[in-house]
Protein backbone atom coordinates (compact mmCIF):
# COMPACT_ATOMS: atom_id res chain seq x y z
CA UNK A 1 0.00 0.00 0.00
CA UNK A 2 1.40 3.37 -1.04
CA UNK A 3 0.16 6.48 0.76
CA UNK A 4 -0.37 9.83 -0.91
CA UNK A 5 0.33 12.32 1.88
CA UNK A 6 -0.36 15.90 0.98
CA UNK A 7 -0.21 18.85 3.35
CA UNK A 8 -4.00 19.26 3.33
CA UNK A 9 -4.73 15.68 4.45
CA UNK A 10 -1.96 15.76 7.08
CA UNK A 11 -3.43 19.03 8.42
CA UNK A 12 -6.96 17.61 8.36
CA UNK A 13 -5.94 14.58 10.42
CA UNK A 14 -4.07 16.82 12.85
CA UNK A 15 -7.28 18.80 13.48
CA UNK A 16 -8.72 15.53 14.79
CA UNK A 17 -5.62 14.74 16.86
CA UNK A 18 -4.38 12.00 14.53
CA UNK A 19 -0.89 11.78 13.03
CA UNK A 20 -0.39 10.53 9.48
CA UNK A 21 1.82 7.71 10.80
CA UNK A 22 -1.00 6.52 13.10
CA UNK A 23 -3.55 6.40 10.28
CA UNK A 24 -1.06 4.63 8.04
CA UNK A 25 -0.30 2.01 10.73
CA UNK A 26 -4.01 1.30 11.30
CA UNK A 27 -4.57 0.80 7.57
CA UNK A 28 -1.52 -1.42 7.13
CA UNK A 29 -2.60 -3.64 10.03
CA UNK A 30 -6.33 -3.82 9.31
CA UNK A 31 -8.11 -7.16 9.50
CA UNK A 32 -11.41 -8.29 7.99
CA UNK A 33 -14.06 -7.00 7.76
CA UNK A 34 -11.87 -3.98 6.97
CA UNK A 35 -11.42 -2.17 4.73
CA UNK A 36 -15.14 -1.80 4.21
CA UNK A 37 -16.64 0.16 1.32
CA UNK A 38 -18.89 2.98 2.56
CA UNK A 39 -19.97 4.46 -0.77
CA UNK A 40 -18.85 7.11 -3.25
CA UNK A 41 -15.51 5.34 -3.67
CA UNK A 42 -14.66 5.68 0.03
CA UNK A 43 -13.42 2.93 2.33
CA UNK A 44 -13.43 2.66 6.12
CA UNK A 45 -10.97 1.02 8.49
CA UNK A 46 -11.22 0.71 12.27
CA UNK A 47 -8.14 -0.40 14.18
CA UNK A 48 -5.58 0.17 16.86
CA UNK A 49 -2.36 2.17 16.64
CA UNK A 50 0.98 0.94 17.98
CA UNK A 51 0.35 3.08 21.05
CA UNK A 52 -3.07 1.53 21.65
CA UNK A 53 -5.35 4.28 20.35
CA UNK A 54 -8.42 3.14 18.43
CA UNK A 55 -8.98 5.03 15.19
CA UNK A 56 -11.35 5.27 12.28
CA UNK A 57 -9.65 5.99 8.96
CA UNK A 58 -11.44 6.83 5.72
CA UNK A 59 -9.58 6.66 2.42
CA UNK A 60 -9.97 6.40 -1.33
CA UNK A 61 -7.99 4.40 -3.83
CA UNK A 62 -6.19 6.70 -6.23
CA UNK A 63 -6.56 5.92 -9.92
CA UNK A 64 -3.33 6.07 -11.85
CA UNK A 65 -4.57 9.03 -13.89
CA UNK A 66 -5.12 10.99 -10.64
CA UNK A 67 -1.57 10.58 -9.33
CA UNK A 68 0.51 13.75 -9.60
CA UNK A 69 3.87 12.04 -10.12
CA UNK A 70 5.78 15.31 -9.94
CA UNK A 71 4.53 15.82 -6.35
CA UNK A 72 5.47 12.34 -5.09
CA UNK A 73 8.26 11.67 -2.66
CA UNK A 74 11.05 9.53 -4.08
CA UNK A 75 10.08 6.58 -1.84
CA UNK A 76 6.57 6.56 -3.36
CA UNK A 77 7.90 6.72 -6.92
CA UNK A 78 10.12 3.72 -6.16
CA UNK A 79 7.24 1.87 -4.50
CA UNK A 80 5.04 2.48 -7.54
CA UNK A 81 7.74 1.17 -9.85
CA UNK A 82 8.08 -1.92 -7.62
CA UNK A 83 4.29 -2.42 -7.71
CA UNK A 84 3.96 -2.42 -3.93
CA UNK A 85 0.20 -2.33 -3.94
CA UNK A 86 -2.59 0.19 -4.34
CA UNK A 87 -2.06 3.92 -4.11
CA UNK A 88 -4.33 5.41 -1.41
CA UNK A 89 -5.28 8.86 -0.20
CA UNK A 90 -6.41 9.17 3.42
CA UNK A 91 -9.16 11.77 3.61
CA UNK A 92 -10.24 11.54 7.26
CA UNK A 93 -9.27 9.98 10.58
CA UNK A 94 -10.45 10.31 14.15
CA UNK A 95 -10.41 8.46 17.45
CA UNK A 96 -13.23 5.96 17.94
CA UNK A 97 -16.04 6.67 20.40
CA UNK A 98 -16.44 4.44 23.47
CA UNK A 99 -19.27 2.51 21.76
CA UNK A 100 -17.23 2.00 18.59
CA UNK A 101 -14.25 0.76 20.63
CA UNK A 102 -16.47 -1.71 22.44
CA UNK A 103 -17.88 -3.10 19.19
CA UNK A 104 -14.40 -3.39 17.68
CA UNK A 105 -13.03 -5.24 20.72
CA UNK A 106 -15.90 -7.76 20.54
CA UNK A 107 -14.83 -8.80 17.05
PDB file of N, CA and C in Angstrom:
ATOM      1  N   UNK A   1       0.852  -1.171   0.000  1.00  0.00           N
ATOM      2  CA  UNK A   1       0.000   0.000   0.000  1.00  0.00           C
ATOM      3  C   UNK A   1       0.898   1.234   0.000  1.00  0.00           C
ATOM      4  N   UNK A   2       0.619   2.145  -0.909  1.00  0.00           N
ATOM      5  CA  UNK A   2       1.402   3.374  -1.045  1.00  0.00           C
ATOM      6  C   UNK A   2       0.501   4.543  -0.666  1.00  0.00           C
ATOM      7  N   UNK A   3       0.976   5.382   0.236  1.00  0.00           N
ATOM      8  CA  UNK A   3       0.159   6.482   0.764  1.00  0.00           C
ATOM      9  C   UNK A   3       0.517   7.796   0.107  1.00  0.00           C
ATOM     10  N   UNK A   4      -0.518   8.515  -0.310  1.00  0.00           N
ATOM     11  CA  UNK A   4      -0.370   9.833  -0.910  1.00  0.00           C
ATOM     12  C   UNK A   4      -0.617  10.870   0.185  1.00  0.00           C
ATOM     13  N   UNK A   5       0.461  11.311   0.817  1.00  0.00           N
ATOM     14  CA  UNK A   5       0.333  12.316   1.878  1.00  0.00           C
ATOM     15  C   UNK A   5       0.575  13.690   1.286  1.00  0.00           C
ATOM     16  N   UNK A   6      -0.440  14.512   1.415  1.00  0.00           N
ATOM     17  CA  UNK A   6      -0.363  15.904   0.979  1.00  0.00           C
ATOM     18  C   UNK A   6      -0.541  16.766   2.225  1.00  0.00           C
ATOM     19  N   UNK A   7      -0.124  18.000   2.150  1.00  0.00           N
ATOM     20  CA  UNK A   7      -0.211  18.848   3.347  1.00  0.00           C
ATOM     21  C   UNK A   7      -1.649  18.988   3.834  1.00  0.00           C
ATOM     22  N   UNK A   8      -2.608  19.064   2.908  1.00  0.00           N
ATOM     23  CA  UNK A   8      -3.995  19.263   3.329  1.00  0.00           C
ATOM     24  C   UNK A   8      -4.539  18.063   4.103  1.00  0.00           C
ATOM     25  N   UNK A   9      -4.174  16.817   3.700  1.00  0.00           N
ATOM     26  CA  UNK A   9      -4.729  15.682   4.447  1.00  0.00           C
ATOM     27  C   UNK A   9      -3.975  15.479   5.757  1.00  0.00           C
ATOM     28  N   UNK A  10      -2.700  15.805   5.807  1.00  0.00           N
ATOM     29  CA  UNK A  10      -1.960  15.759   7.079  1.00  0.00           C
ATOM     30  C   UNK A  10      -2.552  16.772   8.047  1.00  0.00           C
ATOM     31  N   UNK A  11      -2.832  17.985   7.572  1.00  0.00           N
ATOM     32  CA  UNK A  11      -3.427  19.027   8.416  1.00  0.00           C
ATOM     33  C   UNK A  11      -4.825  18.638   8.880  1.00  0.00           C
ATOM     34  N   UNK A  12      -5.602  18.014   8.000  1.00  0.00           N
ATOM     35  CA  UNK A  12      -6.961  17.608   8.365  1.00  0.00           C
ATOM     36  C   UNK A  12      -6.933  16.561   9.478  1.00  0.00           C
ATOM     37  N   UNK A  13      -6.066  15.586   9.371  1.00  0.00           N
ATOM     38  CA  UNK A  13      -5.943  14.578  10.422  1.00  0.00           C
ATOM     39  C   UNK A  13      -5.505  15.216  11.734  1.00  0.00           C
ATOM     40  N   UNK A  14      -4.572  16.153  11.643  1.00  0.00           N
ATOM     41  CA  UNK A  14      -4.069  16.822  12.848  1.00  0.00           C
ATOM     42  C   UNK A  14      -5.180  17.573  13.580  1.00  0.00           C
ATOM     43  N   UNK A  15      -6.141  18.124  12.846  1.00  0.00           N
ATOM     44  CA  UNK A  15      -7.276  18.804  13.480  1.00  0.00           C
ATOM     45  C   UNK A  15      -8.081  17.840  14.346  1.00  0.00           C
ATOM     46  N   UNK A  16      -8.003  16.550  14.028  1.00  0.00           N
ATOM     47  CA  UNK A  16      -8.717  15.527  14.795  1.00  0.00           C
ATOM     48  C   UNK A  16      -7.782  14.795  15.763  1.00  0.00           C
ATOM     49  N   UNK A  17      -6.572  15.322  15.924  1.00  0.00           N
ATOM     50  CA  UNK A  17      -5.621  14.744  16.864  1.00  0.00           C
ATOM     51  C   UNK A  17      -4.988  13.447  16.404  1.00  0.00           C
ATOM     52  N   UNK A  18      -4.927  13.236  15.090  1.00  0.00           N
ATOM     53  CA  UNK A  18      -4.379  12.002  14.532  1.00  0.00           C
ATOM     54  C   UNK A  18      -3.169  12.339  13.661  1.00  0.00           C
ATOM     55  N   UNK A  19      -2.085  11.616  13.854  1.00  0.00           N
ATOM     56  CA  UNK A  19      -0.893  11.782  13.029  1.00  0.00           C
ATOM     57  C   UNK A  19      -0.996  10.889  11.797  1.00  0.00           C
ATOM     58  N   UNK A  20      -0.384  11.325  10.723  1.00  0.00           N
ATOM     59  CA  UNK A  20      -0.393  10.532   9.482  1.00  0.00           C
ATOM     60  C   UNK A  20       0.158   9.130   9.736  1.00  0.00           C
ATOM     61  N   UNK A  21       1.221   9.023  10.523  1.00  0.00           N
ATOM     62  CA  UNK A  21       1.822   7.711  10.804  1.00  0.00           C
ATOM     63  C   UNK A  21       0.846   6.788  11.530  1.00  0.00           C
ATOM     64  N   UNK A  22      -0.001   7.345  12.395  1.00  0.00           N
ATOM     65  CA  UNK A  22      -0.997   6.519  13.097  1.00  0.00           C
ATOM     66  C   UNK A  22      -2.038   5.972  12.125  1.00  0.00           C
ATOM     67  N   UNK A  23      -2.542   6.837  11.261  1.00  0.00           N
ATOM     68  CA  UNK A  23      -3.545   6.404  10.275  1.00  0.00           C
ATOM     69  C   UNK A  23      -2.946   5.349   9.350  1.00  0.00           C
ATOM     70  N   UNK A  24      -1.728   5.570   8.936  1.00  0.00           N
ATOM     71  CA  UNK A  24      -1.061   4.627   8.042  1.00  0.00           C
ATOM     72  C   UNK A  24      -0.892   3.276   8.735  1.00  0.00           C
ATOM     73  N   UNK A  25      -0.479   3.261   9.987  1.00  0.00           N
ATOM     74  CA  UNK A  25      -0.303   2.006  10.729  1.00  0.00           C
ATOM     75  C   UNK A  25      -1.618   1.237  10.833  1.00  0.00           C
ATOM     76  N   UNK A  26      -2.702   1.947  11.174  1.00  0.00           N
ATOM     77  CA  UNK A  26      -4.008   1.303  11.302  1.00  0.00           C
ATOM     78  C   UNK A  26      -4.407   0.658   9.978  1.00  0.00           C
ATOM     79  N   UNK A  27      -4.201   1.363   8.881  1.00  0.00           N
ATOM     80  CA  UNK A  27      -4.568   0.797   7.573  1.00  0.00           C
ATOM     81  C   UNK A  27      -3.712  -0.404   7.214  1.00  0.00           C
ATOM     82  N   UNK A  28      -2.415  -0.319   7.484  1.00  0.00           N
ATOM     83  CA  UNK A  28      -1.516  -1.416   7.135  1.00  0.00           C
ATOM     84  C   UNK A  28      -1.755  -2.669   7.968  1.00  0.00           C
ATOM     85  N   UNK A  29      -2.379  -2.516   9.135  1.00  0.00           N
ATOM     86  CA  UNK A  29      -2.603  -3.643  10.030  1.00  0.00           C
ATOM     87  C   UNK A  29      -4.088  -3.997  10.174  1.00  0.00           C
ATOM     88  N   UNK A  30      -4.894  -3.538   9.232  1.00  0.00           N
ATOM     89  CA  UNK A  30      -6.332  -3.818   9.315  1.00  0.00           C
ATOM     90  C   UNK A  30      -6.601  -5.291   9.051  1.00  0.00           C
ATOM     91  N   UNK A  31      -7.669  -5.767   9.671  1.00  0.00           N
ATOM     92  CA  UNK A  31      -8.105  -7.158   9.496  1.00  0.00           C
ATOM     93  C   UNK A  31      -9.568  -7.146   9.085  1.00  0.00           C
ATOM     94  N   UNK A  32      -9.996  -8.215   8.406  1.00  0.00           N
ATOM     95  CA  UNK A  32     -11.405  -8.289   7.993  1.00  0.00           C
ATOM     96  C   UNK A  32     -12.321  -8.079   9.193  1.00  0.00           C
ATOM     97  N   UNK A  33     -13.385  -7.346   9.011  1.00  0.00           N
ATOM     98  CA  UNK A  33     -14.058  -6.996   7.760  1.00  0.00           C
ATOM     99  C   UNK A  33     -13.566  -5.701   7.121  1.00  0.00           C
ATOM    100  N   UNK A  34     -12.403  -5.232   7.514  1.00  0.00           N
ATOM    101  CA  UNK A  34     -11.873  -3.978   6.972  1.00  0.00           C
ATOM    102  C   UNK A  34     -10.791  -4.264   5.946  1.00  0.00           C
ATOM    103  N   UNK A  35     -10.641  -3.380   4.963  1.00  0.00           N
ATOM    104  CA  UNK A  35     -11.419  -2.173   4.730  1.00  0.00           C
ATOM    105  C   UNK A  35     -12.822  -2.506   4.233  1.00  0.00           C
ATOM    106  N   UNK A  36     -13.737  -1.628   4.578  1.00  0.00           N
ATOM    107  CA  UNK A  36     -15.141  -1.800   4.206  1.00  0.00           C
ATOM    108  C   UNK A  36     -15.570  -0.611   3.352  1.00  0.00           C
ATOM    109  N   UNK A  37     -16.177  -0.903   2.206  1.00  0.00           N
ATOM    110  CA  UNK A  37     -16.643   0.161   1.324  1.00  0.00           C
ATOM    111  C   UNK A  37     -17.833   0.869   1.971  1.00  0.00           C
ATOM    112  N   UNK A  38     -17.806   2.207   1.945  1.00  0.00           N
ATOM    113  CA  UNK A  38     -18.891   2.977   2.562  1.00  0.00           C
ATOM    114  C   UNK A  38     -19.619   3.852   1.549  1.00  0.00           C
ATOM    115  N   UNK A  39     -19.279   3.708   0.277  1.00  0.00           N
ATOM    116  CA  UNK A  39     -19.967   4.457  -0.772  1.00  0.00           C
ATOM    117  C   UNK A  39     -19.142   5.590  -1.336  1.00  0.00           C
ATOM    118  N   UNK A  40     -19.502   6.016  -2.529  1.00  0.00           N
ATOM    119  CA  UNK A  40     -18.853   7.113  -3.250  1.00  0.00           C
ATOM    120  C   UNK A  40     -17.346   6.908  -3.373  1.00  0.00           C
ATOM    121  N   UNK A  41     -16.925   5.640  -3.501  1.00  0.00           N
ATOM    122  CA  UNK A  41     -15.510   5.336  -3.666  1.00  0.00           C
ATOM    123  C   UNK A  41     -14.687   5.422  -2.400  1.00  0.00           C
ATOM    124  N   UNK A  42     -15.354   5.552  -1.251  1.00  0.00           N
ATOM    125  CA  UNK A  42     -14.656   5.682   0.028  1.00  0.00           C
ATOM    126  C   UNK A  42     -14.656   4.340   0.765  1.00  0.00           C
ATOM    127  N   UNK A  43     -13.581   4.151   1.545  1.00  0.00           N
ATOM    128  CA  UNK A  43     -13.418   2.930   2.329  1.00  0.00           C
ATOM    129  C   UNK A  43     -13.106   3.293   3.776  1.00  0.00           C
ATOM    130  N   UNK A  44     -13.552   2.431   4.686  1.00  0.00           N
ATOM    131  CA  UNK A  44     -13.432   2.656   6.123  1.00  0.00           C
ATOM    132  C   UNK A  44     -12.596   1.561   6.756  1.00  0.00           C
ATOM    133  N   UNK A  45     -11.744   1.953   7.684  1.00  0.00           N
ATOM    134  CA  UNK A  45     -10.966   1.016   8.487  1.00  0.00           C
ATOM    135  C   UNK A  45     -11.076   1.451   9.939  1.00  0.00           C
ATOM    136  N   UNK A  46     -11.326   0.487  10.835  1.00  0.00           N
ATOM    137  CA  UNK A  46     -11.223   0.706  12.270  1.00  0.00           C
ATOM    138  C   UNK A  46     -10.064  -0.144  12.755  1.00  0.00           C
ATOM    139  N   UNK A  47      -9.258   0.382  13.660  1.00  0.00           N
ATOM    140  CA  UNK A  47      -8.142  -0.399  14.177  1.00  0.00           C
ATOM    141  C   UNK A  47      -7.398   0.337  15.256  1.00  0.00           C
ATOM    142  N   UNK A  48      -6.362  -0.338  15.740  1.00  0.00           N
ATOM    143  CA  UNK A  48      -5.584   0.173  16.859  1.00  0.00           C
ATOM    144  C   UNK A  48      -4.189   0.584  16.394  1.00  0.00           C
ATOM    145  N   UNK A  49      -3.709   1.700  16.943  1.00  0.00           N
ATOM    146  CA  UNK A  49      -2.358   2.167  16.638  1.00  0.00           C
ATOM    147  C   UNK A  49      -1.345   1.380  17.468  1.00  0.00           C
ATOM    148  N   UNK A  50      -0.073   1.578  17.187  1.00  0.00           N
ATOM    149  CA  UNK A  50       0.982   0.940  17.975  1.00  0.00           C
ATOM    150  C   UNK A  50       0.892   1.353  19.437  1.00  0.00           C
ATOM    151  N   UNK A  51       0.445   2.560  19.691  1.00  0.00           N
ATOM    152  CA  UNK A  51       0.352   3.082  21.054  1.00  0.00           C
ATOM    153  C   UNK A  51      -0.938   2.690  21.750  1.00  0.00           C
ATOM    154  N   UNK A  52      -1.841   2.008  21.034  1.00  0.00           N
ATOM    155  CA  UNK A  52      -3.069   1.526  21.653  1.00  0.00           C
ATOM    156  C   UNK A  52      -4.303   2.376  21.423  1.00  0.00           C
ATOM    157  N   UNK A  53      -4.176   3.463  20.672  1.00  0.00           N
ATOM    158  CA  UNK A  53      -5.351   4.279  20.354  1.00  0.00           C
ATOM    159  C   UNK A  53      -6.186   3.571  19.306  1.00  0.00           C
ATOM    160  N   UNK A  54      -7.501   3.718  19.408  1.00  0.00           N
ATOM    161  CA  UNK A  54      -8.417   3.143  18.425  1.00  0.00           C
ATOM    162  C   UNK A  54      -8.870   4.245  17.480  1.00  0.00           C
ATOM    163  N   UNK A  55      -8.665   4.007  16.189  1.00  0.00           N
ATOM    164  CA  UNK A  55      -8.976   5.030  15.187  1.00  0.00           C
ATOM    165  C   UNK A  55      -9.923   4.517  14.118  1.00  0.00           C
ATOM    166  N   UNK A  56     -10.598   5.475  13.519  1.00  0.00           N
ATOM    167  CA  UNK A  56     -11.348   5.265  12.284  1.00  0.00           C
ATOM    168  C   UNK A  56     -10.587   6.019  11.205  1.00  0.00           C
ATOM    169  N   UNK A  57     -10.340   5.365  10.087  1.00  0.00           N
ATOM    170  CA  UNK A  57      -9.645   5.993   8.962  1.00  0.00           C
ATOM    171  C   UNK A  57     -10.511   5.813   7.725  1.00  0.00           C
ATOM    172  N   UNK A  58     -10.688   6.888   6.980  1.00  0.00           N
ATOM    173  CA  UNK A  58     -11.436   6.835   5.721  1.00  0.00           C
ATOM    174  C   UNK A  58     -10.469   7.216   4.607  1.00  0.00           C
ATOM    175  N   UNK A  59     -10.505   6.431   3.523  1.00  0.00           N
ATOM    176  CA  UNK A  59      -9.581   6.663   2.423  1.00  0.00           C
ATOM    177  C   UNK A  59     -10.236   6.343   1.099  1.00  0.00           C
ATOM    178  N   UNK A  60      -9.566   6.748   0.036  1.00  0.00           N
ATOM    179  CA  UNK A  60      -9.972   6.403  -1.329  1.00  0.00           C
ATOM    180  C   UNK A  60      -8.764   5.812  -2.042  1.00  0.00           C
ATOM    181  N   UNK A  61      -9.043   4.905  -2.964  1.00  0.00           N
ATOM    182  CA  UNK A  61      -7.989   4.397  -3.834  1.00  0.00           C
ATOM    183  C   UNK A  61      -7.763   5.428  -4.930  1.00  0.00           C
ATOM    184  N   UNK A  62      -6.514   5.738  -5.192  1.00  0.00           N
ATOM    185  CA  UNK A  62      -6.188   6.696  -6.231  1.00  0.00           C
ATOM    186  C   UNK A  62      -6.039   5.964  -7.570  1.00  0.00           C
ATOM    187  N   UNK A  63      -6.753   6.441  -8.566  1.00  0.00           N
ATOM    188  CA  UNK A  63      -6.561   5.915  -9.918  1.00  0.00           C
ATOM    189  C   UNK A  63      -5.233   6.441 -10.450  1.00  0.00           C
ATOM    190  N   UNK A  64      -4.639   5.674 -11.312  1.00  0.00           N
ATOM    191  CA  UNK A  64      -3.330   6.067 -11.846  1.00  0.00           C
ATOM    192  C   UNK A  64      -3.379   7.430 -12.521  1.00  0.00           C
ATOM    193  N   UNK A  65      -4.486   7.740 -13.197  1.00  0.00           N
ATOM    194  CA  UNK A  65      -4.573   9.029 -13.889  1.00  0.00           C
ATOM    195  C   UNK A  65      -4.756  10.201 -12.922  1.00  0.00           C
ATOM    196  N   UNK A  66      -4.961   9.925 -11.635  1.00  0.00           N
ATOM    197  CA  UNK A  66      -5.115  10.986 -10.639  1.00  0.00           C
ATOM    198  C   UNK A  66      -3.825  11.251  -9.861  1.00  0.00           C
ATOM    199  N   UNK A  67      -2.816  10.437 -10.074  1.00  0.00           N
ATOM    200  CA  UNK A  67      -1.567  10.576  -9.333  1.00  0.00           C
ATOM    201  C   UNK A  67      -0.716  11.678  -9.959  1.00  0.00           C
ATOM    202  N   UNK A  68      -0.360  12.659  -9.144  1.00  0.00           N
ATOM    203  CA  UNK A  68       0.515  13.746  -9.600  1.00  0.00           C
ATOM    204  C   UNK A  68       1.960  13.309  -9.337  1.00  0.00           C
ATOM    205  N   UNK A  69       2.548  12.626 -10.294  1.00  0.00           N
ATOM    206  CA  UNK A  69       3.872  12.039 -10.117  1.00  0.00           C
ATOM    207  C   UNK A  69       4.929  13.072  -9.729  1.00  0.00           C
ATOM    208  N   UNK A  70       4.791  14.276 -10.246  1.00  0.00           N
ATOM    209  CA  UNK A  70       5.779  15.307  -9.940  1.00  0.00           C
ATOM    210  C   UNK A  70       5.756  15.730  -8.473  1.00  0.00           C
ATOM    211  N   UNK A  71       4.650  15.452  -7.758  1.00  0.00           N
ATOM    212  CA  UNK A  71       4.534  15.816  -6.346  1.00  0.00           C
ATOM    213  C   UNK A  71       4.906  14.675  -5.398  1.00  0.00           C
ATOM    214  N   UNK A  72       5.196  13.497  -5.936  1.00  0.00           N
ATOM    215  CA  UNK A  72       5.470  12.339  -5.093  1.00  0.00           C
ATOM    216  C   UNK A  72       6.861  12.399  -4.480  1.00  0.00           C
ATOM    217  N   UNK A  73       6.956  11.851  -3.282  1.00  0.00           N
ATOM    218  CA  UNK A  73       8.256  11.667  -2.660  1.00  0.00           C
ATOM    219  C   UNK A  73       8.952  10.526  -3.390  1.00  0.00           C
ATOM    220  N   UNK A  74      10.267  10.542  -3.378  1.00  0.00           N
ATOM    221  CA  UNK A  74      11.051   9.531  -4.077  1.00  0.00           C
ATOM    222  C   UNK A  74      10.667   8.119  -3.630  1.00  0.00           C
ATOM    223  N   UNK A  75      10.441   7.918  -2.326  1.00  0.00           N
ATOM    224  CA  UNK A  75      10.084   6.577  -1.837  1.00  0.00           C
ATOM    225  C   UNK A  75       8.790   6.072  -2.467  1.00  0.00           C
ATOM    226  N   UNK A  76       7.828   6.967  -2.730  1.00  0.00           N
ATOM    227  CA  UNK A  76       6.574   6.555  -3.364  1.00  0.00           C
ATOM    228  C   UNK A  76       6.762   6.254  -4.848  1.00  0.00           C
ATOM    229  N   UNK A  77       7.615   7.003  -5.506  1.00  0.00           N
ATOM    230  CA  UNK A  77       7.901   6.719  -6.915  1.00  0.00           C
ATOM    231  C   UNK A  77       8.531   5.336  -7.032  1.00  0.00           C
ATOM    232  N   UNK A  78       9.477   5.035  -6.139  1.00  0.00           N
ATOM    233  CA  UNK A  78      10.122   3.720  -6.159  1.00  0.00           C
ATOM    234  C   UNK A  78       9.126   2.615  -5.827  1.00  0.00           C
ATOM    235  N   UNK A  79       8.241   2.867  -4.868  1.00  0.00           N
ATOM    236  CA  UNK A  79       7.235   1.870  -4.497  1.00  0.00           C
ATOM    237  C   UNK A  79       6.287   1.607  -5.657  1.00  0.00           C
ATOM    238  N   UNK A  80       5.906   2.655  -6.369  1.00  0.00           N
ATOM    239  CA  UNK A  80       5.045   2.476  -7.541  1.00  0.00           C
ATOM    240  C   UNK A  80       5.748   1.643  -8.605  1.00  0.00           C
ATOM    241  N   UNK A  81       7.019   1.919  -8.824  1.00  0.00           N
ATOM    242  CA  UNK A  81       7.745   1.169  -9.851  1.00  0.00           C
ATOM    243  C   UNK A  81       7.956  -0.280  -9.436  1.00  0.00           C
ATOM    244  N   UNK A  82       7.950  -0.553  -8.128  1.00  0.00           N
ATOM    245  CA  UNK A  82       8.082  -1.924  -7.625  1.00  0.00           C
ATOM    246  C   UNK A  82       6.731  -2.606  -7.460  1.00  0.00           C
ATOM    247  N   UNK A  83       5.650  -1.887  -7.809  1.00  0.00           N
ATOM    248  CA  UNK A  83       4.289  -2.421  -7.714  1.00  0.00           C
ATOM    249  C   UNK A  83       3.979  -2.937  -6.314  1.00  0.00           C
ATOM    250  N   UNK A  84       4.149  -2.056  -5.330  1.00  0.00           N
ATOM    251  CA  UNK A  84       3.956  -2.425  -3.927  1.00  0.00           C
ATOM    252  C   UNK A  84       2.506  -2.299  -3.461  1.00  0.00           C
ATOM    253  N   UNK A  85       1.593  -2.350  -4.347  1.00  0.00           N
ATOM    254  CA  UNK A  85       0.200  -2.328  -3.938  1.00  0.00           C
ATOM    255  C   UNK A  85      -0.528  -1.083  -4.362  1.00  0.00           C
ATOM    256  N   UNK A  86      -1.763  -0.947  -3.921  1.00  0.00           N
ATOM    257  CA  UNK A  86      -2.588   0.187  -4.343  1.00  0.00           C
ATOM    258  C   UNK A  86      -2.086   1.510  -3.780  1.00  0.00           C
ATOM    259  N   UNK A  87      -2.389   2.557  -4.494  1.00  0.00           N
ATOM    260  CA  UNK A  87      -2.063   3.924  -4.105  1.00  0.00           C
ATOM    261  C   UNK A  87      -3.295   4.497  -3.415  1.00  0.00           C
ATOM    262  N   UNK A  88      -3.164   4.947  -2.171  1.00  0.00           N
ATOM    263  CA  UNK A  88      -4.326   5.405  -1.410  1.00  0.00           C
ATOM    264  C   UNK A  88      -4.129   6.827  -0.900  1.00  0.00           C
ATOM    265  N   UNK A  89      -5.256   7.506  -0.735  1.00  0.00           N
ATOM    266  CA  UNK A  89      -5.282   8.856  -0.197  1.00  0.00           C
ATOM    267  C   UNK A  89      -6.195   8.847   1.028  1.00  0.00           C
ATOM    268  N   UNK A  90      -5.623   9.094   2.183  1.00  0.00           N
ATOM    269  CA  UNK A  90      -6.407   9.172   3.419  1.00  0.00           C
ATOM    270  C   UNK A  90      -7.099  10.522   3.431  1.00  0.00           C
ATOM    271  N   UNK A  91      -8.421  10.506   3.637  1.00  0.00           N
ATOM    272  CA  UNK A  91      -9.163  11.769   3.611  1.00  0.00           C
ATOM    273  C   UNK A  91      -9.715  12.163   4.976  1.00  0.00           C
ATOM    274  N   UNK A  92      -9.710  11.217   5.937  1.00  0.00           N
ATOM    275  CA  UNK A  92     -10.241  11.541   7.262  1.00  0.00           C
ATOM    276  C   UNK A  92      -9.765  10.495   8.260  1.00  0.00           C
ATOM    277  N   UNK A  93      -9.565  10.910   9.496  1.00  0.00           N
ATOM    278  CA  UNK A  93      -9.274   9.975  10.583  1.00  0.00           C
ATOM    279  C   UNK A  93      -9.650  10.649  11.898  1.00  0.00           C
ATOM    280  N   UNK A  94     -10.096   9.811  12.823  1.00  0.00           N
ATOM    281  CA  UNK A  94     -10.452  10.311  14.152  1.00  0.00           C
ATOM    282  C   UNK A  94     -10.398   9.150  15.133  1.00  0.00           C
ATOM    283  N   UNK A  95     -10.384   9.488  16.418  1.00  0.00           N
ATOM    284  CA  UNK A  95     -10.413   8.455  17.451  1.00  0.00           C
ATOM    285  C   UNK A  95     -11.832   7.885  17.542  1.00  0.00           C
ATOM    286  N   UNK A  96     -11.922   6.590  17.814  1.00  0.00           N
ATOM    287  CA  UNK A  96     -13.234   5.957  17.944  1.00  0.00           C
ATOM    288  C   UNK A  96     -13.924   6.396  19.228  1.00  0.00           C
ATOM    289  N   UNK A  97     -15.252   6.404  19.194  1.00  0.00           N
ATOM    290  CA  UNK A  97     -16.036   6.667  20.402  1.00  0.00           C
ATOM    291  C   UNK A  97     -15.975   5.429  21.293  1.00  0.00           C
ATOM    292  N   UNK A  98     -16.428   5.566  22.532  1.00  0.00           N
ATOM    293  CA  UNK A  98     -16.437   4.438  23.466  1.00  0.00           C
ATOM    294  C   UNK A  98     -17.265   3.277  22.923  1.00  0.00           C
ATOM    295  N   UNK A  99     -18.429   3.567  22.332  1.00  0.00           N
ATOM    296  CA  UNK A  99     -19.271   2.506  21.759  1.00  0.00           C
ATOM    297  C   UNK A  99     -18.578   1.816  20.586  1.00  0.00           C
ATOM    298  N   UNK A 100     -17.931   2.577  19.735  1.00  0.00           N
ATOM    299  CA  UNK A 100     -17.231   2.001  18.590  1.00  0.00           C
ATOM    300  C   UNK A 100     -16.067   1.116  19.046  1.00  0.00           C
ATOM    301  N   UNK A 101     -15.351   1.567  20.083  1.00  0.00           N
ATOM    302  CA  UNK A 101     -14.253   0.761  20.630  1.00  0.00           C
ATOM    303  C   UNK A 101     -14.775  -0.559  21.168  1.00  0.00           C
ATOM    304  N   UNK A 102     -15.881  -0.497  21.870  1.00  0.00           N
ATOM    305  CA  UNK A 102     -16.468  -1.713  22.445  1.00  0.00           C
ATOM    306  C   UNK A 102     -16.847  -2.703  21.349  1.00  0.00           C
ATOM    307  N   UNK A 103     -17.493  -2.220  20.300  1.00  0.00           N
ATOM    308  CA  UNK A 103     -17.876  -3.097  19.189  1.00  0.00           C
ATOM    309  C   UNK A 103     -16.652  -3.709  18.507  1.00  0.00           C
ATOM    310  N   UNK A 104     -15.611  -2.896  18.335  1.00  0.00           N
ATOM    311  CA  UNK A 104     -14.401  -3.395  17.681  1.00  0.00           C
ATOM    312  C   UNK A 104     -13.731  -4.462  18.535  1.00  0.00           C
ATOM    313  N   UNK A 105     -13.666  -4.259  19.832  1.00  0.00           N
ATOM    314  CA  UNK A 105     -13.031  -5.236  20.722  1.00  0.00           C
ATOM    315  C   UNK A 105     -13.771  -6.567  20.724  1.00  0.00           C
ATOM    316  N   UNK A 106     -15.101  -6.532  20.543  1.00  0.00           N
ATOM    317  CA  UNK A 106     -15.902  -7.757  20.543  1.00  0.00           C
ATOM    318  C   UNK A 106     -15.636  -8.625  19.331  1.00  0.00           C
ATOM    319  N   UNK A 107     -15.115  -8.026  18.267  1.00  0.00           N
ATOM    320  CA  UNK A 107     -14.825  -8.797  17.052  1.00  0.00           C
ATOM    321  C   UNK A 107     -13.663  -9.640  17.328  1.00  0.00           C
TER     322      UNK A 107
END
